[in-house]
Amino acid sequence: MPIYDYICDDCGHEFERQQKMSDGPVKTCPECGKPVRRVIGAVAGFVRGTSTPCASSPSPCKQLGRCDKRSCEVLER
């Protein structure tokens, strides 16, 4: 299942959700309840027996495993 990144423009909270492609986007921030937008990046994350997209192969930032940074597409800009 793909992992989608979201950001709240009101409070700045960033989070990700593992969702089916057929699921609708998350609409509200879990922190403040305001509207959020889905961040579209250059790298799509799919989970296949791992907990994060970076855990199965090198990411664009060359990080292996889980990291606490924003999604890798931010590092490519």
PDB file of N, CA and C in Angstrom:
ATOM      1  N   MET A   1       0.841  -1.187   0.000  1.00  0.00           N
ATOM      2  CA  MET A   1       0.000   0.000   0.000  1.00  0.00           C
ATOM      3  C   MET A   1       0.882   1.243   0.000  1.00  0.00           C
ATOM      4  N   PRO A   2       0.485   2.262  -0.713  1.00  0.00           N
ATOM      5  CA  PRO A   2       1.280   3.487  -0.738  1.00  0.00           C
ATOM      6  C   PRO A   2       1.221   4.242   0.586  1.00  0.00           C
ATOM      7  N   ILE A   3       2.264   4.987   0.831  1.00  0.00           N
ATOM      8  CA  ILE A   3       2.324   5.872   1.992  1.00  0.00           C
ATOM      9  C   ILE A   3       2.214   7.293   1.459  1.00  0.00           C
ATOM     10  N   TYR A   4       1.238   8.028   1.974  1.00  0.00           N
ATOM     11  CA  TYR A   4       1.019   9.403   1.534  1.00  0.00           C
ATOM     12  C   TYR A   4       1.469  10.365   2.619  1.00  0.00           C
ATOM     13  N   ASP A   5       2.125  11.445   2.221  1.00  0.00           N
ATOM     14  CA  ASP A   5       2.566  12.490   3.141  1.00  0.00           C
ATOM     15  C   ASP A   5       1.549  13.617   3.128  1.00  0.00           C
ATOM     16  N   TYR A   6       1.294  14.164   4.307  1.00  0.00           N
ATOM     17  CA  TYR A   6       0.362  15.275   4.464  1.00  0.00           C
ATOM     18  C   TYR A   6       1.023  16.376   5.273  1.00  0.00           C
ATOM     19  N   ILE A   7       0.563  17.611   5.052  1.00  0.00           N
ATOM     20  CA  ILE A   7       1.035  18.737   5.837  1.00  0.00           C
ATOM     21  C   ILE A   7      -0.143  19.668   6.116  1.00  0.00           C
ATOM     22  N   CYS A   8      -0.139  20.205   7.319  1.00  0.00           N
ATOM     23  CA  CYS A   8      -1.162  21.177   7.703  1.00  0.00           C
ATOM     24  C   CYS A   8      -0.565  22.568   7.521  1.00  0.00           C
ATOM     25  N   ASP A   9      -1.192  23.373   6.685  1.00  0.00           N
ATOM     26  CA  ASP A   9      -0.687  24.727   6.454  1.00  0.00           C
ATOM     27  C   ASP A   9      -0.960  25.641   7.639  1.00  0.00           C
ATOM     28  N   ASP A  10      -1.872  25.246   8.525  1.00  0.00           N
ATOM     29  CA  ASP A  10      -2.211  26.078   9.674  1.00  0.00           C
ATOM     30  C   ASP A  10      -1.191  25.918  10.802  1.00  0.00           C
ATOM     31  N   CYS A  11      -0.961  24.664  11.242  1.00  0.00           N
ATOM     32  CA  CYS A  11      -0.058  24.448  12.377  1.00  0.00           C
ATOM     33  C   CYS A  11       1.297  23.870  11.965  1.00  0.00           C
ATOM     34  N   GLY A  12       1.439  23.453  10.691  1.00  0.00           N
ATOM     35  CA  GLY A  12       2.705  22.942  10.206  1.00  0.00           C
ATOM     36  C   GLY A  12       2.965  21.475  10.505  1.00  0.00           C
ATOM     37  N   HIS A  13       2.007  20.790  11.106  1.00  0.00           N
ATOM     38  CA  HIS A  13       2.183  19.372  11.439  1.00  0.00           C
ATOM     39  C   HIS A  13       2.315  18.554  10.162  1.00  0.00           C
ATOM     40  N   GLU A  14       3.327  17.682  10.137  1.00  0.00           N
ATOM     41  CA  GLU A  14       3.547  16.791   8.994  1.00  0.00           C
ATOM     42  C   GLU A  14       3.348  15.364   9.464  1.00  0.00           C
ATOM     43  N   PHE A  15       2.678  14.563   8.639  1.00  0.00           N
ATOM     44  CA  PHE A  15       2.440  13.167   8.993  1.00  0.00           C
ATOM     45  C   PHE A  15       2.257  12.356   7.733  1.00  0.00           C
ATOM     46  N   GLU A  16       2.339  11.059   7.887  1.00  0.00           N
ATOM     47  CA  GLU A  16       2.130  10.166   6.749  1.00  0.00           C
ATOM     48  C   GLU A  16       1.079   9.129   7.111  1.00  0.00           C
ATOM     49  N   ARG A  17       0.418   8.626   6.081  1.00  0.00           N
ATOM     50  CA  ARG A  17      -0.610   7.605   6.255  1.00  0.00           C
ATOM     51  C   ARG A  17      -0.426   6.521   5.212  1.00  0.00           C
ATOM     52  N   GLN A  18      -0.508   5.302   5.650  1.00  0.00           N
ATOM     53  CA  GLN A  18      -0.522   4.166   4.729  1.00  0.00           C
ATOM     54  C   GLN A  18      -1.974   3.951   4.358  1.00  0.00           C
ATOM     55  N   GLN A  19      -2.276   4.071   3.075  1.00  0.00           N
ATOM     56  CA  GLN A  19      -3.657   3.985   2.612  1.00  0.00           C
ATOM     57  C   GLN A  19      -3.736   3.177   1.320  1.00  0.00           C
ATOM     58  N   LYS A  20      -4.893   2.598   1.102  1.00  0.00           N
ATOM     59  CA  LYS A  20      -5.163   1.968  -0.186  1.00  0.00           C
ATOM     60  C   LYS A  20      -5.258   3.065  -1.235  1.00  0.00           C
ATOM     61  N   MET A  21      -4.929   2.718  -2.462  1.00  0.00           N
ATOM     62  CA  MET A  21      -5.035   3.708  -3.534  1.00  0.00           C
ATOM     63  C   MET A  21      -6.478   4.164  -3.735  1.00  0.00           C
ATOM     64  N   SER A  22      -7.421   3.321  -3.371  1.00  0.00           N
ATOM     65  CA  SER A  22      -8.829   3.657  -3.541  1.00  0.00           C
ATOM     66  C   SER A  22      -9.382   4.515  -2.397  1.00  0.00           C
ATOM     67  N   ASP A  23      -8.612   4.655  -1.294  1.00  0.00           N
ATOM     68  CA  ASP A  23      -9.049   5.492  -0.172  1.00  0.00           C
ATOM     69  C   ASP A  23      -8.986   6.960  -0.553  1.00  0.00           C
ATOM     70  N   GLY A  24      -9.900   7.724  -0.024  1.00  0.00           N
ATOM     71  CA  GLY A  24      -9.860   9.169  -0.228  1.00  0.00           C
ATOM     72  C   GLY A  24      -8.762   9.792   0.615  1.00  0.00           C
ATOM     73  N   PRO A  25      -8.345  11.003   0.287  1.00  0.00           N
ATOM     74  CA  PRO A  25      -7.297  11.658   1.066  1.00  0.00           C
ATOM     75  C   PRO A  25      -7.773  12.042   2.466  1.00  0.00           C
ATOM     76  N   VAL A  26      -6.815  12.139   3.396  1.00  0.00           N
ATOM     77  CA  VAL A  26      -7.108  12.642   4.736  1.00  0.00           C
ATOM     78  C   VAL A  26      -7.480  14.108   4.586  1.00  0.00           C
ATOM     79  N   LYS A  27      -8.490  14.537   5.313  1.00  0.00           N
ATOM     80  CA  LYS A  27      -8.977  15.907   5.148  1.00  0.00           C
ATOM     81  C   LYS A  27      -8.605  16.833   6.289  1.00  0.00           C
ATOM     82  N   THR A  28      -8.400  16.284   7.505  1.00  0.00           N
ATOM     83  CA  THR A  28      -8.135  17.147   8.650  1.00  0.00           C
ATOM     84  C   THR A  28      -6.873  16.736   9.398  1.00  0.00           C
ATOM     85  N   CYS A  29      -6.237  17.707   9.993  1.00  0.00           N
ATOM     86  CA  CYS A  29      -5.011  17.515  10.759  1.00  0.00           C
ATOM     87  C   CYS A  29      -5.334  16.823  12.080  1.00  0.00           C
ATOM     88  N   PRO A  30      -4.580  15.762  12.434  1.00  0.00           N
ATOM     89  CA  PRO A  30      -4.840  15.094  13.709  1.00  0.00           C
ATOM     90  C   PRO A  30      -4.445  15.944  14.916  1.00  0.00           C
ATOM     91  N   GLU A  31      -3.644  16.990  14.700  1.00  0.00           N
ATOM     92  CA  GLU A  31      -3.204  17.850  15.794  1.00  0.00           C
ATOM     93  C   GLU A  31      -4.177  18.999  16.066  1.00  0.00           C
ATOM     94  N   CYS A  32      -4.596  19.699  15.004  1.00  0.00           N
ATOM     95  CA  CYS A  32      -5.411  20.897  15.217  1.00  0.00           C
ATOM     96  C   CYS A  32      -6.811  20.824  14.599  1.00  0.00           C
ATOM     97  N   GLY A  33      -7.061  19.812  13.753  1.00  0.00           N
ATOM     98  CA  GLY A  33      -8.379  19.654  13.149  1.00  0.00           C
ATOM     99  C   GLY A  33      -8.629  20.522  11.929  1.00  0.00           C
ATOM    100  N   LYS A  34      -7.643  21.301  11.512  1.00  0.00           N
ATOM    101  CA  LYS A  34      -7.785  22.151  10.324  1.00  0.00           C
ATOM    102  C   LYS A  34      -7.531  21.327   9.060  1.00  0.00           C
ATOM    103  N   PRO A  35      -7.875  21.856   7.884  1.00  0.00           N
ATOM    104  CA  PRO A  35      -7.647  21.123   6.638  1.00  0.00           C
ATOM    105  C   PRO A  35      -6.163  20.880   6.358  1.00  0.00           C
ATOM    106  N   VAL A  36      -5.875  19.738   5.736  1.00  0.00           N
ATOM    107  CA  VAL A  36      -4.507  19.398   5.355  1.00  0.00           C
ATOM    108  C   VAL A  36      -4.443  19.200   3.848  1.00  0.00           C
ATOM    109  N   ARG A  37      -3.229  19.183   3.320  1.00  0.00           N
ATOM    110  CA  ARG A  37      -3.044  18.878   1.900  1.00  0.00           C
ATOM    111  C   ARG A  37      -2.054  17.734   1.786  1.00  0.00           C
ATOM    112  N   ARG A  38      -2.268  16.934   0.755  1.00  0.00           N
ATOM    113  CA  ARG A  38      -1.370  15.820   0.491  1.00  0.00           C
ATOM    114  C   ARG A  38      -0.176  16.343  -0.292  1.00  0.00           C
ATOM    115  N   VAL A  39       1.016  15.977   0.150  1.00  0.00           N
ATOM    116  CA  VAL A  39       2.249  16.406  -0.491  1.00  0.00           C
ATOM    117  C   VAL A  39       2.625  15.354  -1.520  1.00  0.00           C
ATOM    118  N   ILE A  40       2.745  15.772  -2.755  1.00  0.00           N
ATOM    119  CA  ILE A  40       3.114  14.864  -3.827  1.00  0.00           C
ATOM    120  C   ILE A  40       4.607  15.014  -4.059  1.00  0.00           C
ATOM    121  N   GLY A  41       5.318  13.896  -3.957  1.00  0.00           N
ATOM    122  CA  GLY A  41       6.769  13.935  -4.120  1.00  0.00           C
ATOM    123  C   GLY A  41       7.223  13.170  -5.335  1.00  0.00           C
ATOM    124  N   ALA A  42       8.513  13.206  -5.555  1.00  0.00           N
ATOM    125  CA  ALA A  42       9.107  12.517  -6.693  1.00  0.00           C
ATOM    126  C   ALA A  42       9.221  11.020  -6.454  1.00  0.00           C
ATOM    127  N   VAL A  43       9.217  10.608  -5.193  1.00  0.00           N
ATOM    128  CA  VAL A  43       9.397   9.200  -4.851  1.00  0.00           C
ATOM    129  C   VAL A  43       8.131   8.699  -4.172  1.00  0.00           C
ATOM    130  N   ALA A  44       7.522   7.672  -4.740  1.00  0.00           N
ATOM    131  CA  ALA A  44       6.340   7.073  -4.119  1.00  0.00           C
ATOM    132  C   ALA A  44       6.797   5.974  -3.184  1.00  0.00           C
ATOM    133  N   GLY A  45       6.205   5.908  -2.011  1.00  0.00           N
ATOM    134  CA  GLY A  45       6.562   4.866  -1.057  1.00  0.00           C
ATOM    135  C   GLY A  45       5.519   3.772  -1.035  1.00  0.00           C
ATOM    136  N   PHE A  46       5.949   2.546  -1.237  1.00  0.00           N
ATOM    137  CA  PHE A  46       5.061   1.404  -1.154  1.00  0.00           C
ATOM    138  C   PHE A  46       5.594   0.460  -0.099  1.00  0.00           C
ATOM    139  N   VAL A  47       4.701  -0.055   0.713  1.00  0.00           N
ATOM    140  CA  VAL A  47       5.097  -0.953   1.787  1.00  0.00           C
ATOM    141  C   VAL A  47       4.859  -2.388   1.339  1.00  0.00           C
ATOM    142  N   ARG A  48       5.924  -3.166   1.368  1.00  0.00           N
ATOM    143  CA  ARG A  48       5.840  -4.589   1.042  1.00  0.00           C
ATOM    144  C   ARG A  48       6.653  -5.344   2.066  1.00  0.00           C
ATOM    145  N   GLY A  49       6.047  -5.606   3.199  1.00  0.00           N
ATOM    146  CA  GLY A  49       6.730  -6.347   4.247  1.00  0.00           C
ATOM    147  C   GLY A  49       7.691  -5.507   5.066  1.00  0.00           C
ATOM    148  N   THR A  50       7.678  -4.189   4.900  1.00  0.00           N
ATOM    149  CA  THR A  50       8.502  -3.305   5.706  1.00  0.00           C
ATOM    150  C   THR A  50       7.624  -2.205   6.262  1.00  0.00           C
ATOM    151  N   SER A  51       8.146  -1.489   7.220  1.00  0.00           N
ATOM    152  CA  SER A  51       7.333  -0.453   7.851  1.00  0.00           C
ATOM    153  C   SER A  51       7.516   0.923   7.222  1.00  0.00           C
ATOM    154  N   THR A  52       8.582   1.124   6.440  1.00  0.00           N
ATOM    155  CA  THR A  52       8.802   2.426   5.817  1.00  0.00           C
ATOM    156  C   THR A  52       9.315   2.247   4.397  1.00  0.00           C
ATOM    157  N   PRO A  53       9.115   3.252   3.529  1.00  0.00           N
ATOM    158  CA  PRO A  53       9.616   3.117   2.171  1.00  0.00           C
ATOM    159  C   PRO A  53      11.133   3.091   2.111  1.00  0.00           C
ATOM    160  N   CYS A  54      11.815   3.711   3.053  1.00  0.00           N
ATOM    161  CA  CYS A  54      13.279   3.744   3.027  1.00  0.00           C
ATOM    162  C   CYS A  54      13.899   2.441   3.531  1.00  0.00           C
ATOM    163  N   ALA A  55      13.124   1.597   4.207  1.00  0.00           N
ATOM    164  CA  ALA A  55      13.685   0.396   4.821  1.00  0.00           C
ATOM    165  C   ALA A  55      14.059  -0.677   3.809  1.00  0.00           C
ATOM    166  N   SER A  56      13.428  -0.689   2.639  1.00  0.00           N
ATOM    167  CA  SER A  56      13.668  -1.778   1.702  1.00  0.00           C
ATOM    168  C   SER A  56      14.736  -1.475   0.660  1.00  0.00           C
ATOM    169  N   SER A  57      15.037  -0.218   0.413  1.00  0.00           N
ATOM    170  CA  SER A  57      16.038   0.125  -0.587  1.00  0.00           C
ATOM    171  C   SER A  57      16.584   1.506  -0.284  1.00  0.00           C
ATOM    172  N   PRO A  58      17.733   1.862  -0.854  1.00  0.00           N
ATOM    173  CA  PRO A  58      18.263   3.205  -0.609  1.00  0.00           C
ATOM    174  C   PRO A  58      17.300   4.269  -1.121  1.00  0.00           C
ATOM    175  N   SER A  59      17.099   5.281  -0.344  1.00  0.00           N
ATOM    176  CA  SER A  59      16.253   6.393  -0.743  1.00  0.00           C
ATOM    177  C   SER A  59      17.111   7.429  -1.461  1.00  0.00           C
ATOM    178  N   PRO A  60      16.512   8.454  -2.054  1.00  0.00           N
ATOM    179  CA  PRO A  60      17.299   9.481  -2.733  1.00  0.00           C
ATOM    180  C   PRO A  60      18.336  10.138  -1.816  1.00  0.00           C
ATOM    181  N   CYS A  61      18.068  10.171  -0.534  1.00  0.00           N
ATOM    182  CA  CYS A  61      19.032  10.772   0.397  1.00  0.00           C
ATOM    183  C   CYS A  61      20.054   9.746   0.866  1.00  0.00           C
ATOM    184  N   LYS A  62      19.993   8.527   0.338  1.00  0.00           N
ATOM    185  CA  LYS A  62      20.908   7.427   0.651  1.00  0.00           C
ATOM    186  C   LYS A  62      20.759   6.907   2.081  1.00  0.00           C
ATOM    187  N   GLN A  63      19.649   7.256   2.717  1.00  0.00           N
ATOM    188  CA  GLN A  63      19.364   6.785   4.070  1.00  0.00           C
ATOM    189  C   GLN A  63      18.759   5.393   3.989  1.00  0.00           C
ATOM    190  N   LEU A  64      19.269   4.467   4.755  1.00  0.00           N
ATOM    191  CA  LEU A  64      18.669   3.140   4.865  1.00  0.00           C
ATOM    192  C   LEU A  64      17.948   3.063   6.189  1.00  0.00           C
ATOM    193  N   GLY A  65      16.737   2.577   6.180  1.00  0.00           N
ATOM    194  CA  GLY A  65      15.962   2.450   7.410  1.00  0.00           C
ATOM    195  C   GLY A  65      15.182   3.708   7.723  1.00  0.00           C
ATOM    196  N   ARG A  66      14.566   3.714   8.867  1.00  0.00           N
ATOM    197  CA  ARG A  66      13.686   4.798   9.293  1.00  0.00           C
ATOM    198  C   ARG A  66      14.486   6.028   9.679  1.00  0.00           C
ATOM    199  N   CYS A  67      14.009   7.185   9.258  1.00  0.00           N
ATOM    200  CA  CYS A  67      14.614   8.438   9.697  1.00  0.00           C
ATOM    201  C   CYS A  67      13.499   9.374  10.149  1.00  0.00           C
ATOM    202  N   ASP A  68      13.868  10.388  10.892  1.00  0.00           N
ATOM    203  CA  ASP A  68      12.880  11.324  11.421  1.00  0.00           C
ATOM    204  C   ASP A  68      12.761  12.588  10.585  1.00  0.00           C
ATOM    205  N   LYS A  69      13.384  12.588   9.402  1.00  0.00           N
ATOM    206  CA  LYS A  69      13.326  13.755   8.533  1.00  0.00           C
ATOM    207  C   LYS A  69      12.050  13.727   7.706  1.00  0.00           C
ATOM    208  N   ARG A  70      11.712  14.892   7.154  1.00  0.00           N
ATOM    209  CA  ARG A  70      10.586  14.947   6.227  1.00  0.00           C
ATOM    210  C   ARG A  70      10.877  14.020   5.073  1.00  0.00           C
ATOM    211  N   SER A  71       9.876  13.706   4.324  1.00  0.00           N
ATOM    212  CA  SER A  71      10.021  12.761   3.234  1.00  0.00           C
ATOM    213  C   SER A  71      11.159  13.150   2.293  1.00  0.00           C
ATOM    214  N   CYS A  72      11.730  12.159   1.635  1.00  0.00           N
ATOM    215  CA  CYS A  72      12.940  12.318   0.836  1.00  0.00           C
ATOM    216  C   CYS A  72      12.799  13.327  -0.295  1.00  0.00           C
ATOM    217  N   GLU A  73      11.593  13.553  -0.806  1.00  0.00           N
ATOM    218  CA  GLU A  73      11.471  14.472  -1.925  1.00  0.00           C
ATOM    219  C   GLU A  73      11.868  15.879  -1.533  1.00  0.00           C
ATOM    220  N   VAL A  74      11.788  16.221  -0.253  1.00  0.00           N
ATOM    221  CA  VAL A  74      12.205  17.555   0.200  1.00  0.00           C
ATOM    222  C   VAL A  74      13.708  17.718   0.010  1.00  0.00           C
ATOM    223  N   LEU A  75      14.459  16.641   0.201  1.00  0.00           N
ATOM    224  CA  LEU A  75      15.904  16.688   0.074  1.00  0.00           C
ATOM    225  C   LEU A  75      16.356  16.827  -1.371  1.00  0.00           C
ATOM    226  N   GLU A  76      15.498  16.489  -2.322  1.00  0.00           N
ATOM    227  CA  GLU A  76      15.868  16.562  -3.733  1.00  0.00           C
ATOM    228  C   GLU A  76      15.678  17.956  -4.318  1.00  0.00           C
ATOM    229  N   ARG A  77      14.966  18.811  -3.626  1.00  0.00           N
ATOM    230  CA  ARG A  77      14.672  20.151  -4.162  1.00  0.00           C
ATOM    231  C   ARG A  77      15.883  21.043  -4.135  1.00  0.00           C
TER     232      ARG A  77
END
